[in-house]
Amino acid sequence: MATPAFRAPTPFDPAHSAAREEQRIVLHDIPWWQYLALREATEGRGLKLTYLEGDLEIMSPSDLHEEAKKIIARLIEAYADERELDLWGFGSTTYREETKARGLEPDECYRLSPSTSPAVPDIAIEVIVTHGLVDKMSVYAGLGVKEVWTWRPSTGLVEVHALNARGAYETRPSSALLPDLDLAVLSQFVRPRGDSHTRLAKAYRAAIKTA
């Protein structure tokens, strides 16, 4: 079986996207206790809840969203294996802090050590298929997540947003936490609705071995 070709990322064709399948609603003036109750009531139903100072977005992700985030996770983990880097994955764990009135579930997330203080991921992965109704980056910033990596089907690129000293995110050409990871190369293998994920991971491993 042929290995997927090494190529530049191609923006996803909207005509074949699952954006129409992604649903979002936002509720306003939701107290913290009600957010917790809704999170518990929807546990295991595949919904993502984002809470920001009384605004609560409930999102049902599309197939495209879920496939893309899983491919990105496999590629990052393949990179860590090849480079023998310690990496702890926590998937879509809920992170929240009542004093900051913020809570969410990343698409995928990682720490570079077993524990951090506060206990939030160092890197969060976000696939953005449709426009959010609540500012998720503000939630991440309030929780103190160092880097948020985003992928949009419209560009096909993985981009790094790093938390600066002012508590805001800046787009950077590379990750300060994984500085040797070439985002342009990784992006070339994020191909939902195409090659098998196993073939993509193998092809990416081959690419970084020869880099």
C-alpha atoms as a PDB file:
ATOM      1  CA  MET A   1       0.000   0.000   0.000  1.00  0.00           C
ATOM      2  CA  ALA A   2       1.417   3.386  -0.997  1.00  0.00           C
ATOM      3  CA  THR A   3       2.465   5.895   1.643  1.00  0.00           C
ATOM      4  CA  PRO A   4       0.535   9.217   1.634  1.00  0.00           C
ATOM      5  CA  ALA A   5       2.475  11.811  -0.342  1.00  0.00           C
ATOM      6  CA  PHE A   6       4.242  14.638   1.447  1.00  0.00           C
ATOM      7  CA  ARG A   7       2.407  17.790   0.322  1.00  0.00           C
ATOM      8  CA  ALA A   8       1.355  21.266   1.345  1.00  0.00           C
ATOM      9  CA  PRO A   9      -1.835  21.534   3.448  1.00  0.00           C
ATOM     10  CA  THR A  10      -4.931  22.103   1.341  1.00  0.00           C
ATOM     11  CA  PRO A  11      -7.902  24.071   2.653  1.00  0.00           C
ATOM     12  CA  PHE A  12     -10.860  21.780   3.216  1.00  0.00           C
ATOM     13  CA  ASP A  13     -13.590  22.007   0.567  1.00  0.00           C
ATOM     14  CA  PRO A  14     -16.652  23.553   2.296  1.00  0.00           C
ATOM     15  CA  ALA A  15     -18.937  21.610  -0.039  1.00  0.00           C
ATOM     16  CA  HIS A  16     -17.745  18.391   1.604  1.00  0.00           C
ATOM     17  CA  SER A  17     -17.377  19.645   5.162  1.00  0.00           C
ATOM     18  CA  ALA A  18     -19.510  18.618   8.096  1.00  0.00           C
ATOM     19  CA  ALA A  19     -19.898  22.195   9.329  1.00  0.00           C
ATOM     20  CA  ARG A  20     -23.660  22.005   8.770  1.00  0.00           C
ATOM     21  CA  GLU A  21     -23.741  19.097  11.249  1.00  0.00           C
ATOM     22  CA  GLU A  22     -22.096  21.095  14.033  1.00  0.00           C
ATOM     23  CA  GLN A  23     -24.625  22.701  16.359  1.00  0.00           C
ATOM     24  CA  ARG A  24     -24.128  25.405  18.970  1.00  0.00           C
ATOM     25  CA  ILE A  25     -26.411  27.177  21.402  1.00  0.00           C
ATOM     26  CA  VAL A  26     -25.572  29.746  24.065  1.00  0.00           C
ATOM     27  CA  LEU A  27     -27.372  30.330  27.358  1.00  0.00           C
ATOM     28  CA  HIS A  28     -26.951  33.573  29.300  1.00  0.00           C
ATOM     29  CA  ASP A  29     -26.976  34.426  33.009  1.00  0.00           C
ATOM     30  CA  ILE A  30     -26.193  30.865  34.060  1.00  0.00           C
ATOM     31  CA  PRO A  31     -24.925  30.617  37.668  1.00  0.00           C
ATOM     32  CA  TRP A  32     -21.935  28.426  38.456  1.00  0.00           C
ATOM     33  CA  TRP A  33     -23.985  25.749  40.181  1.00  0.00           C
ATOM     34  CA  GLN A  34     -26.220  25.392  37.148  1.00  0.00           C
ATOM     35  CA  TYR A  35     -23.203  25.071  34.841  1.00  0.00           C
ATOM     36  CA  LEU A  36     -21.911  22.227  37.034  1.00  0.00           C
ATOM     37  CA  ALA A  37     -25.321  20.553  37.005  1.00  0.00           C
ATOM     38  CA  LEU A  38     -25.562  20.772  33.219  1.00  0.00           C
ATOM     39  CA  ARG A  39     -22.025  19.438  32.817  1.00  0.00           C
ATOM     40  CA  GLU A  40     -22.909  16.447  34.981  1.00  0.00           C
ATOM     41  CA  ALA A  41     -26.239  15.883  33.193  1.00  0.00           C
ATOM     42  CA  THR A  42     -24.608  15.881  29.743  1.00  0.00           C
ATOM     43  CA  GLU A  43     -21.577  13.772  30.697  1.00  0.00           C
ATOM     44  CA  GLY A  44     -20.918  11.053  28.149  1.00  0.00           C
ATOM     45  CA  ARG A  45     -23.170  12.526  25.466  1.00  0.00           C
ATOM     46  CA  GLY A  46     -20.376  13.943  23.318  1.00  0.00           C
ATOM     47  CA  LEU A  47     -21.271  17.586  24.048  1.00  0.00           C
ATOM     48  CA  LYS A  48     -18.722  20.296  24.804  1.00  0.00           C
ATOM     49  CA  LEU A  49     -19.601  22.995  27.339  1.00  0.00           C
ATOM     50  CA  THR A  50     -17.760  26.301  27.510  1.00  0.00           C
ATOM     51  CA  TYR A  51     -18.522  28.599  30.439  1.00  0.00           C
ATOM     52  CA  LEU A  52     -17.423  32.228  30.638  1.00  0.00           C
ATOM     53  CA  GLU A  53     -18.721  34.585  33.327  1.00  0.00           C
ATOM     54  CA  GLY A  54     -22.338  33.431  33.117  1.00  0.00           C
ATOM     55  CA  ASP A  55     -22.456  32.618  29.406  1.00  0.00           C
ATOM     56  CA  LEU A  56     -22.656  28.909  28.592  1.00  0.00           C
ATOM     57  CA  GLU A  57     -22.133  27.495  25.108  1.00  0.00           C
ATOM     58  CA  ILE A  58     -23.233  23.927  24.408  1.00  0.00           C
ATOM     59  CA  MET A  59     -21.709  22.486  21.255  1.00  0.00           C
ATOM     60  CA  SER A  60     -22.355  19.226  19.429  1.00  0.00           C
ATOM     61  CA  PRO A  61     -19.229  18.566  17.317  1.00  0.00           C
ATOM     62  CA  SER A  62     -19.353  17.355  13.724  1.00  0.00           C
ATOM     63  CA  ASP A  63     -17.640  14.279  12.309  1.00  0.00           C
ATOM     64  CA  LEU A  64     -15.075  16.553  10.653  1.00  0.00           C
ATOM     65  CA  HIS A  65     -14.289  18.191  13.999  1.00  0.00           C
ATOM     66  CA  GLU A  66     -13.790  14.892  15.777  1.00  0.00           C
ATOM     67  CA  GLU A  67     -11.761  13.300  12.998  1.00  0.00           C
ATOM     68  CA  ALA A  68      -9.418  16.277  12.646  1.00  0.00           C
ATOM     69  CA  LYS A  69      -8.706  16.523  16.360  1.00  0.00           C
ATOM     70  CA  LYS A  70      -7.956  12.808  16.555  1.00  0.00           C
ATOM     71  CA  ILE A  71      -5.533  13.007  13.610  1.00  0.00           C
ATOM     72  CA  ILE A  72      -3.716  15.956  15.210  1.00  0.00           C
ATOM     73  CA  ALA A  73      -3.444  14.041  18.485  1.00  0.00           C
ATOM     74  CA  ARG A  74      -1.968  10.997  16.741  1.00  0.00           C
ATOM     75  CA  LEU A  75       0.576  13.158  14.928  1.00  0.00           C
ATOM     76  CA  ILE A  76       1.682  14.981  18.080  1.00  0.00           C
ATOM     77  CA  GLU A  77       2.035  11.688  19.917  1.00  0.00           C
ATOM     78  CA  ALA A  78       3.969  10.199  16.998  1.00  0.00           C
ATOM     79  CA  TYR A  79       6.333  13.180  17.172  1.00  0.00           C
ATOM     80  CA  ALA A  80       6.832  12.668  20.914  1.00  0.00           C
ATOM     81  CA  ASP A  81       7.583   8.973  20.323  1.00  0.00           C
ATOM     82  CA  GLU A  82      10.123   9.689  17.589  1.00  0.00           C
ATOM     83  CA  ARG A  83      11.845  12.414  19.623  1.00  0.00           C
ATOM     84  CA  GLU A  84      11.572  10.440  22.895  1.00  0.00           C
ATOM     85  CA  LEU A  85       9.813  13.357  24.580  1.00  0.00           C
ATOM     86  CA  ASP A  86       7.830  12.954  27.777  1.00  0.00           C
ATOM     87  CA  LEU A  87       4.214  13.848  27.075  1.00  0.00           C
ATOM     88  CA  TRP A  88       1.085  13.297  29.146  1.00  0.00           C
ATOM     89  CA  GLY A  89      -2.242  13.341  27.299  1.00  0.00           C
ATOM     90  CA  PHE A  90      -5.524  14.219  29.018  1.00  0.00           C
ATOM     91  CA  GLY A  91      -7.944  14.177  26.080  1.00  0.00           C
ATOM     92  CA  SER A  92     -11.070  16.269  26.654  1.00  0.00           C
ATOM     93  CA  THR A  93     -10.811  16.534  30.437  1.00  0.00           C
ATOM     94  CA  THR A  94     -12.976  19.299  31.922  1.00  0.00           C
ATOM     95  CA  TYR A  95     -10.949  22.194  33.361  1.00  0.00           C
ATOM     96  CA  ARG A  96     -12.760  24.823  35.405  1.00  0.00           C
ATOM     97  CA  GLU A  97     -12.192  27.403  38.114  1.00  0.00           C
ATOM     98  CA  GLU A  98     -15.065  28.993  39.991  1.00  0.00           C
ATOM     99  CA  THR A  99     -13.112  32.076  41.077  1.00  0.00           C
ATOM    100  CA  LYS A 100     -12.421  32.849  37.410  1.00  0.00           C
ATOM    101  CA  ALA A 101     -15.962  31.852  36.329  1.00  0.00           C
ATOM    102  CA  ARG A 102     -14.483  29.757  33.542  1.00  0.00           C
ATOM    103  CA  GLY A 103     -14.701  26.154  32.395  1.00  0.00           C
ATOM    104  CA  LEU A 104     -14.281  24.072  29.230  1.00  0.00           C
ATOM    105  CA  GLU A 105     -13.141  20.845  27.610  1.00  0.00           C
ATOM    106  CA  PRO A 106     -10.258  21.044  25.110  1.00  0.00           C
ATOM    107  CA  ASP A 107     -10.483  18.880  22.016  1.00  0.00           C
ATOM    108  CA  GLU A 108      -7.187  17.314  23.120  1.00  0.00           C
ATOM    109  CA  CYS A 109      -4.608  18.491  25.653  1.00  0.00           C
ATOM    110  CA  TYR A 110      -1.139  17.677  26.941  1.00  0.00           C
ATOM    111  CA  ARG A 111       1.237  18.363  29.787  1.00  0.00           C
ATOM    112  CA  LEU A 112       5.004  18.194  29.558  1.00  0.00           C
ATOM    113  CA  SER A 113       5.273  16.973  33.155  1.00  0.00           C
ATOM    114  CA  PRO A 114       2.991  14.732  35.242  1.00  0.00           C
ATOM    115  CA  SER A 115       1.477  17.673  37.098  1.00  0.00           C
ATOM    116  CA  THR A 116       1.465  21.437  36.931  1.00  0.00           C
ATOM    117  CA  SER A 117       0.309  24.210  39.225  1.00  0.00           C
ATOM    118  CA  PRO A 118      -2.417  25.100  38.595  1.00  0.00           C
ATOM    119  CA  ALA A 119      -3.516  21.729  37.231  1.00  0.00           C
ATOM    120  CA  VAL A 120      -4.221  22.787  33.652  1.00  0.00           C
ATOM    121  CA  PRO A 121      -2.663  21.507  30.416  1.00  0.00           C
ATOM    122  CA  ASP A 122       0.427  23.132  28.932  1.00  0.00           C
ATOM    123  CA  ILE A 123      -0.935  22.654  25.393  1.00  0.00           C
ATOM    124  CA  ALA A 124      -4.588  22.564  24.327  1.00  0.00           C
ATOM    125  CA  ILE A 125      -5.736  21.579  20.840  1.00  0.00           C
ATOM    126  CA  GLU A 126      -8.776  23.269  19.276  1.00  0.00           C
ATOM    127  CA  VAL A 127     -10.353  22.351  15.939  1.00  0.00           C
ATOM    128  CA  ILE A 128     -12.474  25.256  14.689  1.00  0.00           C
ATOM    129  CA  VAL A 129     -15.056  24.193  12.122  1.00  0.00           C
ATOM    130  CA  THR A 130     -17.736  26.761  12.983  1.00  0.00           C
ATOM    131  CA  HIS A 131     -17.566  30.085  14.787  1.00  0.00           C
ATOM    132  CA  GLY A 132     -17.897  29.849  18.565  1.00  0.00           C
ATOM    133  CA  LEU A 133     -20.583  31.753  20.466  1.00  0.00           C
ATOM    134  CA  VAL A 134     -18.418  32.173  23.586  1.00  0.00           C
ATOM    135  CA  ASP A 135     -14.804  33.410  23.515  1.00  0.00           C
ATOM    136  CA  LYS A 136     -12.997  30.154  24.265  1.00  0.00           C
ATOM    137  CA  MET A 137      -9.569  31.802  24.099  1.00  0.00           C
ATOM    138  CA  SER A 138     -10.593  34.067  26.969  1.00  0.00           C
ATOM    139  CA  VAL A 139     -11.497  30.971  28.962  1.00  0.00           C
ATOM    140  CA  TYR A 140      -8.105  29.406  28.220  1.00  0.00           C
ATOM    141  CA  ALA A 141      -6.304  32.637  29.133  1.00  0.00           C
ATOM    142  CA  GLY A 142      -8.144  32.904  32.443  1.00  0.00           C
ATOM    143  CA  LEU A 143      -7.241  29.323  33.297  1.00  0.00           C
ATOM    144  CA  GLY A 144      -3.581  29.969  32.430  1.00  0.00           C
ATOM    145  CA  VAL A 145      -3.075  27.471  29.578  1.00  0.00           C
ATOM    146  CA  LYS A 146       0.335  28.310  28.068  1.00  0.00           C
ATOM    147  CA  GLU A 147      -0.382  27.421  24.429  1.00  0.00           C
ATOM    148  CA  VAL A 148      -3.499  26.784  22.368  1.00  0.00           C
ATOM    149  CA  TRP A 149      -2.954  25.096  18.992  1.00  0.00           C
ATOM    150  CA  THR A 150      -5.773  25.640  16.503  1.00  0.00           C
ATOM    151  CA  TRP A 151      -6.673  24.016  13.192  1.00  0.00           C
ATOM    152  CA  ARG A 152      -9.261  25.332  10.749  1.00  0.00           C
ATOM    153  CA  PRO A 153     -10.472  23.418   7.678  1.00  0.00           C
ATOM    154  CA  SER A 154     -10.474  26.706   5.736  1.00  0.00           C
ATOM    155  CA  THR A 155      -6.658  26.957   5.973  1.00  0.00           C
ATOM    156  CA  GLY A 156      -5.502  23.415   6.746  1.00  0.00           C
ATOM    157  CA  LEU A 157      -2.858  24.855   9.087  1.00  0.00           C
ATOM    158  CA  VAL A 158      -2.031  24.163  12.722  1.00  0.00           C
ATOM    159  CA  GLU A 159      -1.302  27.503  14.420  1.00  0.00           C
ATOM    160  CA  VAL A 160       0.191  28.173  17.855  1.00  0.00           C
ATOM    161  CA  HIS A 161      -1.231  30.851  20.156  1.00  0.00           C
ATOM    162  CA  ALA A 162       1.014  31.526  23.155  1.00  0.00           C
ATOM    163  CA  LEU A 163      -0.065  33.235  26.389  1.00  0.00           C
ATOM    164  CA  ASN A 164       1.940  36.426  26.905  1.00  0.00           C
ATOM    165  CA  ALA A 165       2.765  38.417  30.046  1.00  0.00           C
ATOM    166  CA  ARG A 166      -0.396  40.516  29.589  1.00  0.00           C
ATOM    167  CA  GLY A 167      -2.591  37.439  29.785  1.00  0.00           C
ATOM    168  CA  ALA A 168      -3.509  37.453  26.090  1.00  0.00           C
ATOM    169  CA  TYR A 169      -2.674  35.053  23.274  1.00  0.00           C
ATOM    170  CA  GLU A 170      -0.253  35.890  20.473  1.00  0.00           C
ATOM    171  CA  THR A 171       0.075  33.844  17.295  1.00  0.00           C
ATOM    172  CA  ARG A 172       3.607  32.502  16.995  1.00  0.00           C
ATOM    173  CA  PRO A 173       5.412  30.715  14.134  1.00  0.00           C
ATOM    174  CA  SER A 174       6.455  27.871  16.434  1.00  0.00           C
ATOM    175  CA  SER A 175       5.814  26.418  19.855  1.00  0.00           C
ATOM    176  CA  ALA A 176       8.007  27.505  22.761  1.00  0.00           C
ATOM    177  CA  LEU A 177       7.142  24.219  24.493  1.00  0.00           C
ATOM    178  CA  LEU A 178       7.984  21.970  21.516  1.00  0.00           C
ATOM    179  CA  PRO A 179      10.352  24.278  19.601  1.00  0.00           C
ATOM    180  CA  ASP A 180      11.710  21.623  17.232  1.00  0.00           C
ATOM    181  CA  LEU A 181       8.266  20.583  15.980  1.00  0.00           C
ATOM    182  CA  ASP A 182       7.755  21.972  12.472  1.00  0.00           C
ATOM    183  CA  LEU A 183       4.109  23.043  12.318  1.00  0.00           C
ATOM    184  CA  ALA A 184       4.129  23.318   8.532  1.00  0.00           C
ATOM    185  CA  VAL A 185       5.207  19.694   8.187  1.00  0.00           C
ATOM    186  CA  LEU A 186       2.693  18.481  10.773  1.00  0.00           C
ATOM    187  CA  SER A 187      -0.109  20.388   9.004  1.00  0.00           C
ATOM    188  CA  GLN A 188       0.569  18.515   5.776  1.00  0.00           C
ATOM    189  CA  PHE A 189      -0.644  15.296   7.399  1.00  0.00           C
ATOM    190  CA  VAL A 190      -3.879  16.626   8.910  1.00  0.00           C
ATOM    191  CA  ARG A 191      -6.142  15.222   6.197  1.00  0.00           C
ATOM    192  CA  PRO A 192      -9.636  14.368   7.406  1.00  0.00           C
ATOM    193  CA  ARG A 193     -11.942  12.611   4.966  1.00  0.00           C
ATOM    194  CA  GLY A 194      -8.949  11.151   3.167  1.00  0.00           C
ATOM    195  CA  ASP A 195      -6.142   8.737   4.041  1.00  0.00           C
ATOM    196  CA  SER A 196      -6.404   6.330   6.958  1.00  0.00           C
ATOM    197  CA  HIS A 197      -5.127   7.747  10.226  1.00  0.00           C
ATOM    198  CA  THR A 198      -2.599   4.942  10.556  1.00  0.00           C
ATOM    199  CA  ARG A 199      -1.109   5.717   7.144  1.00  0.00           C
ATOM    200  CA  LEU A 200      -0.963   9.421   7.973  1.00  0.00           C
ATOM    201  CA  ALA A 201       0.856   8.762  11.256  1.00  0.00           C
ATOM    202  CA  LYS A 202       3.337   6.427   9.557  1.00  0.00           C
ATOM    203  CA  ALA A 203       3.996   8.928   6.776  1.00  0.00           C
ATOM    204  CA  TYR A 204       4.529  11.706   9.311  1.00  0.00           C
ATOM    205  CA  ARG A 205       6.986   9.563  11.254  1.00  0.00           C
ATOM    206  CA  ALA A 206       8.919   8.951   8.042  1.00  0.00           C
ATOM    207  CA  ALA A 207       8.958  12.677   7.265  1.00  0.00           C
ATOM    208  CA  ILE A 208      10.341  13.736  10.636  1.00  0.00           C
ATOM    209  CA  LYS A 209      12.950  10.963  10.613  1.00  0.00           C
ATOM    210  CA  THR A 210      14.429  12.433   7.434  1.00  0.00           C
ATOM    211  CA  ALA A 211      14.092  16.085   8.511  1.00  0.00           C
END
